[in-house]
Amino acid sequence: MMNNINLSFWMMIGWLQANMTAVVIVLVLLVALYGALIASRRGLFNGKAFVCGIGVAAVAWPVFAAILPSLTGSSLAEVSYSTDYVMLGLMSAGFAGVVFLLVYPLLVMMLKKG
């Protein structure tokens, strides 16, 4: 089990180093979107937007699970061990979480104030 955690950590560090530009762009987008949400004087929490955001993330999760292997130069056919499936599921969930963080402030701002 420890080897899997160690592998996960170093894969995360390697991905971060290889994709630093994308990470910075996402961070800038997050700051801009949440800044716009705060400036709009709407509450930071909205139940309907939260549920819709979770729905968008739930749809994004299997989409990312299907495309992530090809982004690494691999394919789903090469995902064969349980560790591979766990890693793919967790990485896809992480990307779906980022989608949720990006979509949520937009959903809050799109809903009628009231």
N, C-alpha and C. Protein backbone atom coordinates (compact mmCIF):
# COMPACT_ATOMS: atom_id res chain seq x y z
N MET A 1 0.82 -1.20 0.00
CA MET A 1 0.00 0.00 0.00
C MET A 1 0.87 1.26 0.00
N MET A 2 1.95 1.25 0.77
CA MET A 2 2.82 2.43 0.84
C MET A 2 3.44 2.73 -0.52
N ASN A 3 3.77 1.68 -1.28
CA ASN A 3 4.35 1.91 -2.60
C ASN A 3 3.37 2.63 -3.51
N ASN A 4 2.08 2.29 -3.40
CA ASN A 4 1.07 2.95 -4.22
C ASN A 4 0.94 4.42 -3.86
N ILE A 5 1.00 4.73 -2.56
CA ILE A 5 0.91 6.12 -2.13
C ILE A 5 2.14 6.89 -2.60
N ASN A 6 3.30 6.27 -2.49
CA ASN A 6 4.53 6.91 -2.95
C ASN A 6 4.47 7.14 -4.46
N LEU A 7 4.00 6.16 -5.20
CA LEU A 7 3.84 6.30 -6.65
C LEU A 7 2.88 7.43 -6.99
N SER A 8 1.77 7.50 -6.25
CA SER A 8 0.79 8.57 -6.49
C SER A 8 1.40 9.94 -6.26
N PHE A 9 2.17 10.08 -5.19
CA PHE A 9 2.79 11.36 -4.88
C PHE A 9 3.75 11.79 -5.98
N TRP A 10 4.62 10.90 -6.42
CA TRP A 10 5.60 11.28 -7.43
C TRP A 10 4.97 11.49 -8.80
N MET A 11 3.87 10.78 -9.09
CA MET A 11 3.14 11.04 -10.33
C MET A 11 2.53 12.44 -10.30
N MET A 12 2.00 12.82 -9.12
CA MET A 12 1.41 14.15 -8.99
C MET A 12 2.48 15.23 -9.16
N ILE A 13 3.64 15.05 -8.55
CA ILE A 13 4.72 16.03 -8.67
C ILE A 13 5.19 16.11 -10.12
N GLY A 14 5.34 14.98 -10.77
CA GLY A 14 5.77 14.97 -12.18
C GLY A 14 4.76 15.64 -13.08
N TRP A 15 3.47 15.39 -12.84
CA TRP A 15 2.44 16.02 -13.66
C TRP A 15 2.45 17.53 -13.44
N LEU A 16 2.62 17.94 -12.19
CA LEU A 16 2.64 19.37 -11.88
C LEU A 16 3.80 20.06 -12.58
N GLN A 17 4.97 19.44 -12.58
CA GLN A 17 6.13 20.03 -13.24
C GLN A 17 5.94 20.07 -14.75
N ALA A 18 5.35 19.04 -15.31
CA ALA A 18 5.18 18.98 -16.76
C ALA A 18 4.10 19.92 -17.27
N ASN A 19 3.16 20.28 -16.41
CA ASN A 19 2.01 21.08 -16.84
C ASN A 19 1.85 22.36 -16.03
N MET A 20 2.96 22.97 -15.68
CA MET A 20 2.93 24.16 -14.83
C MET A 20 2.11 25.30 -15.46
N THR A 21 2.20 25.46 -16.76
CA THR A 21 1.45 26.53 -17.43
C THR A 21 -0.05 26.33 -17.26
N ALA A 22 -0.52 25.12 -17.47
CA ALA A 22 -1.95 24.83 -17.31
C ALA A 22 -2.39 25.05 -15.87
N VAL A 23 -1.56 24.67 -14.92
CA VAL A 23 -1.89 24.85 -13.50
C VAL A 23 -2.01 26.34 -13.17
N VAL A 24 -1.08 27.14 -13.66
CA VAL A 24 -1.12 28.59 -13.41
C VAL A 24 -2.36 29.21 -14.05
N ILE A 25 -2.70 28.78 -15.26
CA ILE A 25 -3.90 29.31 -15.94
C ILE A 25 -5.16 28.97 -15.14
N VAL A 26 -5.25 27.74 -14.65
CA VAL A 26 -6.43 27.35 -13.86
C VAL A 26 -6.48 28.16 -12.56
N LEU A 27 -5.34 28.36 -11.91
CA LEU A 27 -5.33 29.16 -10.69
C LEU A 27 -5.76 30.61 -10.95
N VAL A 28 -5.29 31.19 -12.04
CA VAL A 28 -5.70 32.55 -12.39
C VAL A 28 -7.20 32.60 -12.68
N LEU A 29 -7.71 31.60 -13.39
CA LEU A 29 -9.16 31.53 -13.65
C LEU A 29 -9.95 31.42 -12.35
N LEU A 30 -9.47 30.59 -11.43
CA LEU A 30 -10.17 30.44 -10.15
C LEU A 30 -10.21 31.76 -9.39
N VAL A 31 -9.08 32.45 -9.32
CA VAL A 31 -9.04 33.74 -8.62
C VAL A 31 -9.98 34.74 -9.30
N ALA A 32 -9.98 34.77 -10.63
CA ALA A 32 -10.84 35.71 -11.36
C ALA A 32 -12.32 35.38 -11.15
N LEU A 33 -12.68 34.10 -11.23
CA LEU A 33 -14.08 33.71 -11.09
C LEU A 33 -14.60 33.95 -9.68
N TYR A 34 -13.83 33.56 -8.68
CA TYR A 34 -14.29 33.78 -7.31
C TYR A 34 -14.23 35.26 -6.94
N GLY A 35 -13.30 36.00 -7.52
CA GLY A 35 -13.28 37.46 -7.33
C GLY A 35 -14.52 38.10 -7.92
N ALA A 36 -14.92 37.65 -9.11
CA ALA A 36 -16.15 38.16 -9.73
C ALA A 36 -17.37 37.78 -8.91
N LEU A 37 -17.36 36.58 -8.33
CA LEU A 37 -18.48 36.15 -7.49
C LEU A 37 -18.59 37.02 -6.24
N ILE A 38 -17.47 37.31 -5.61
CA ILE A 38 -17.48 38.17 -4.43
C ILE A 38 -17.90 39.59 -4.81
N ALA A 39 -17.42 40.07 -5.95
CA ALA A 39 -17.77 41.42 -6.40
C ALA A 39 -19.24 41.53 -6.77
N SER A 40 -19.87 40.43 -7.15
CA SER A 40 -21.28 40.47 -7.52
C SER A 40 -22.20 40.57 -6.31
N ARG A 41 -21.62 40.49 -5.13
CA ARG A 41 -22.36 40.60 -3.86
C ARG A 41 -23.41 39.51 -3.70
N ARG A 42 -23.16 38.38 -4.29
CA ARG A 42 -24.02 37.22 -4.06
C ARG A 42 -23.33 36.38 -2.99
N GLY A 43 -24.08 35.55 -2.34
CA GLY A 43 -23.50 34.67 -1.34
C GLY A 43 -22.54 33.68 -1.98
N LEU A 44 -21.55 33.25 -1.21
CA LEU A 44 -20.60 32.27 -1.74
C LEU A 44 -21.21 30.88 -1.83
N PHE A 45 -22.25 30.61 -1.05
CA PHE A 45 -22.88 29.30 -1.11
C PHE A 45 -24.30 29.43 -1.64
N ASN A 46 -24.60 28.58 -2.60
CA ASN A 46 -25.94 28.52 -3.18
C ASN A 46 -26.24 27.04 -3.41
N GLY A 47 -27.30 26.56 -2.77
CA GLY A 47 -27.62 25.14 -2.83
C GLY A 47 -27.89 24.62 -4.23
N LYS A 48 -28.65 25.38 -5.03
CA LYS A 48 -28.96 24.94 -6.39
C LYS A 48 -27.70 24.90 -7.25
N ALA A 49 -26.86 25.91 -7.11
CA ALA A 49 -25.61 25.93 -7.88
C ALA A 49 -24.69 24.79 -7.45
N PHE A 50 -24.70 24.48 -6.15
CA PHE A 50 -23.87 23.39 -5.65
C PHE A 50 -24.30 22.06 -6.25
N VAL A 51 -25.60 21.81 -6.25
CA VAL A 51 -26.12 20.55 -6.80
C VAL A 51 -25.84 20.47 -8.30
N CYS A 52 -26.06 21.56 -9.02
CA CYS A 52 -25.77 21.58 -10.46
C CYS A 52 -24.28 21.37 -10.72
N GLY A 53 -23.44 22.00 -9.90
CA GLY A 53 -22.00 21.83 -10.05
C GLY A 53 -21.56 20.40 -9.81
N ILE A 54 -22.16 19.76 -8.80
CA ILE A 54 -21.86 18.34 -8.54
C ILE A 54 -22.30 17.50 -9.73
N GLY A 55 -23.44 17.84 -10.33
CA GLY A 55 -23.90 17.12 -11.52
C GLY A 55 -22.94 17.26 -12.69
N VAL A 56 -22.44 18.47 -12.90
CA VAL A 56 -21.46 18.69 -13.98
C VAL A 56 -20.19 17.89 -13.70
N ALA A 57 -19.74 17.89 -12.45
CA ALA A 57 -18.54 17.14 -12.10
C ALA A 57 -18.76 15.63 -12.25
N ALA A 58 -19.97 15.17 -11.91
CA ALA A 58 -20.28 13.74 -12.06
C ALA A 58 -20.27 13.32 -13.52
N VAL A 59 -20.66 14.21 -14.41
CA VAL A 59 -20.60 13.91 -15.84
C VAL A 59 -19.15 13.98 -16.33
N ALA A 60 -18.39 14.91 -15.79
CA ALA A 60 -16.99 15.08 -16.22
C ALA A 60 -16.11 13.92 -15.77
N TRP A 61 -16.45 13.28 -14.64
CA TRP A 61 -15.60 12.23 -14.09
C TRP A 61 -15.39 11.08 -15.07
N PRO A 62 -16.44 10.44 -15.60
CA PRO A 62 -16.19 9.35 -16.55
C PRO A 62 -15.59 9.83 -17.87
N VAL A 63 -15.88 11.07 -18.25
CA VAL A 63 -15.27 11.61 -19.47
C VAL A 63 -13.76 11.68 -19.28
N PHE A 64 -13.32 12.21 -18.14
CA PHE A 64 -11.88 12.26 -17.87
C PHE A 64 -11.29 10.86 -17.74
N ALA A 65 -12.04 9.92 -17.17
CA ALA A 65 -11.54 8.55 -17.06
C ALA A 65 -11.32 7.94 -18.43
N ALA A 66 -12.13 8.33 -19.40
CA ALA A 66 -11.98 7.80 -20.75
C ALA A 66 -10.84 8.45 -21.52
N ILE A 67 -10.59 9.75 -21.27
CA ILE A 67 -9.58 10.45 -22.08
C ILE A 67 -8.20 10.54 -21.43
N LEU A 68 -8.12 10.37 -20.10
CA LEU A 68 -6.81 10.51 -19.45
C LEU A 68 -5.74 9.54 -19.96
N PRO A 69 -6.06 8.27 -20.18
CA PRO A 69 -5.00 7.39 -20.69
C PRO A 69 -4.44 7.84 -22.03
N SER A 70 -5.29 8.34 -22.91
CA SER A 70 -4.78 8.79 -24.21
C SER A 70 -3.95 10.06 -24.09
N LEU A 71 -4.20 10.87 -23.08
CA LEU A 71 -3.41 12.08 -22.87
C LEU A 71 -1.99 11.75 -22.41
N THR A 72 -1.81 10.56 -21.85
CA THR A 72 -0.48 10.14 -21.41
C THR A 72 0.21 9.26 -22.45
N GLY A 73 -0.37 9.15 -23.63
CA GLY A 73 0.23 8.32 -24.68
C GLY A 73 -0.08 6.85 -24.49
N SER A 74 -1.06 6.54 -23.69
CA SER A 74 -1.45 5.17 -23.40
C SER A 74 -2.85 4.94 -23.98
N SER A 75 -3.51 3.91 -23.53
CA SER A 75 -4.90 3.68 -23.92
C SER A 75 -5.60 2.93 -22.80
N LEU A 76 -6.92 2.88 -22.86
CA LEU A 76 -7.66 2.13 -21.83
C LEU A 76 -7.34 0.64 -21.87
N ALA A 77 -6.90 0.15 -23.01
CA ALA A 77 -6.55 -1.27 -23.12
C ALA A 77 -5.34 -1.61 -22.26
N GLU A 78 -4.50 -0.63 -21.98
CA GLU A 78 -3.30 -0.88 -21.17
C GLU A 78 -3.56 -0.71 -19.67
N VAL A 79 -4.76 -0.30 -19.30
CA VAL A 79 -5.12 -0.21 -17.89
C VAL A 79 -5.60 -1.59 -17.46
N SER A 80 -4.75 -2.32 -16.75
CA SER A 80 -5.08 -3.71 -16.49
C SER A 80 -5.05 -4.10 -15.01
N TYR A 81 -4.25 -3.44 -14.20
CA TYR A 81 -4.13 -3.83 -12.79
C TYR A 81 -5.07 -2.98 -11.94
N SER A 82 -5.39 -3.49 -10.76
CA SER A 82 -6.28 -2.75 -9.87
C SER A 82 -5.70 -1.39 -9.50
N THR A 83 -4.38 -1.34 -9.34
CA THR A 83 -3.73 -0.06 -9.03
C THR A 83 -3.96 0.94 -10.16
N ASP A 84 -3.90 0.46 -11.40
CA ASP A 84 -4.14 1.34 -12.55
C ASP A 84 -5.55 1.92 -12.52
N TYR A 85 -6.54 1.06 -12.21
CA TYR A 85 -7.92 1.54 -12.16
C TYR A 85 -8.13 2.52 -11.01
N VAL A 86 -7.53 2.24 -9.86
CA VAL A 86 -7.66 3.15 -8.73
C VAL A 86 -7.03 4.50 -9.06
N MET A 87 -5.82 4.47 -9.63
CA MET A 87 -5.15 5.72 -9.99
C MET A 87 -5.96 6.49 -11.03
N LEU A 88 -6.48 5.80 -12.02
CA LEU A 88 -7.28 6.45 -13.06
C LEU A 88 -8.54 7.07 -12.46
N GLY A 89 -9.20 6.34 -11.58
CA GLY A 89 -10.40 6.87 -10.94
C GLY A 89 -10.11 8.08 -10.07
N LEU A 90 -9.02 8.03 -9.32
CA LEU A 90 -8.69 9.15 -8.45
C LEU A 90 -8.22 10.37 -9.24
N MET A 91 -7.43 10.14 -10.28
CA MET A 91 -7.00 11.27 -11.11
C MET A 91 -8.20 11.90 -11.82
N SER A 92 -9.11 11.08 -12.29
CA SER A 92 -10.32 11.59 -12.95
C SER A 92 -11.17 12.37 -11.95
N ALA A 93 -11.26 11.87 -10.73
CA ALA A 93 -12.02 12.58 -9.70
C ALA A 93 -11.38 13.93 -9.39
N GLY A 94 -10.06 13.98 -9.38
CA GLY A 94 -9.37 15.25 -9.15
C GLY A 94 -9.66 16.26 -10.24
N PHE A 95 -9.62 15.83 -11.48
CA PHE A 95 -9.94 16.73 -12.59
C PHE A 95 -11.42 17.15 -12.55
N ALA A 96 -12.30 16.22 -12.16
CA ALA A 96 -13.72 16.58 -12.03
C ALA A 96 -13.90 17.59 -10.90
N GLY A 97 -13.11 17.48 -9.85
CA GLY A 97 -13.15 18.47 -8.77
C GLY A 97 -12.74 19.85 -9.25
N VAL A 98 -11.74 19.89 -10.11
CA VAL A 98 -11.32 21.18 -10.69
C VAL A 98 -12.43 21.75 -11.56
N VAL A 99 -13.10 20.89 -12.31
CA VAL A 99 -14.24 21.34 -13.12
C VAL A 99 -15.32 21.93 -12.22
N PHE A 100 -15.60 21.27 -11.09
CA PHE A 100 -16.58 21.80 -10.15
C PHE A 100 -16.17 23.17 -9.65
N LEU A 101 -14.91 23.32 -9.26
CA LEU A 101 -14.44 24.61 -8.75
C LEU A 101 -14.54 25.71 -9.80
N LEU A 102 -14.36 25.37 -11.06
CA LEU A 102 -14.46 26.36 -12.13
C LEU A 102 -15.91 26.69 -12.49
N VAL A 103 -16.79 25.72 -12.41
CA VAL A 103 -18.17 25.91 -12.84
C VAL A 103 -19.04 26.53 -11.74
N TYR A 104 -18.74 26.23 -10.49
CA TYR A 104 -19.59 26.67 -9.39
C TYR A 104 -19.81 28.19 -9.35
N PRO A 105 -18.76 29.02 -9.40
CA PRO A 105 -19.04 30.47 -9.34
C PRO A 105 -19.86 30.96 -10.54
N LEU A 106 -19.66 30.34 -11.69
CA LEU A 106 -20.47 30.72 -12.86
C LEU A 106 -21.94 30.39 -12.63
N LEU A 107 -22.20 29.23 -12.04
CA LEU A 107 -23.59 28.84 -11.77
C LEU A 107 -24.22 29.77 -10.74
N VAL A 108 -23.48 30.15 -9.71
CA VAL A 108 -24.03 31.07 -8.71
C VAL A 108 -24.37 32.40 -9.35
N MET A 109 -23.50 32.90 -10.21
CA MET A 109 -23.74 34.20 -10.84
C MET A 109 -24.86 34.14 -11.88
N MET A 110 -25.09 32.97 -12.47
CA MET A 110 -26.15 32.84 -13.47
C MET A 110 -27.54 32.76 -12.85
N LEU A 111 -27.62 32.28 -11.62
CA LEU A 111 -28.93 32.16 -10.97
C LEU A 111 -29.46 33.54 -10.62
N LYS A 112 -30.78 33.65 -10.59
CA LYS A 112 -31.40 34.92 -10.24
C LYS A 112 -31.09 35.26 -8.79
N LYS A 113 -30.81 36.52 -8.56
CA LYS A 113 -30.53 36.96 -7.20
C LYS A 113 -31.86 37.07 -6.47
N GLY A 114 -31.89 36.47 -5.29
CA GLY A 114 -33.15 36.64 -4.68
C GLY A 114 -33.43 35.87 -3.49
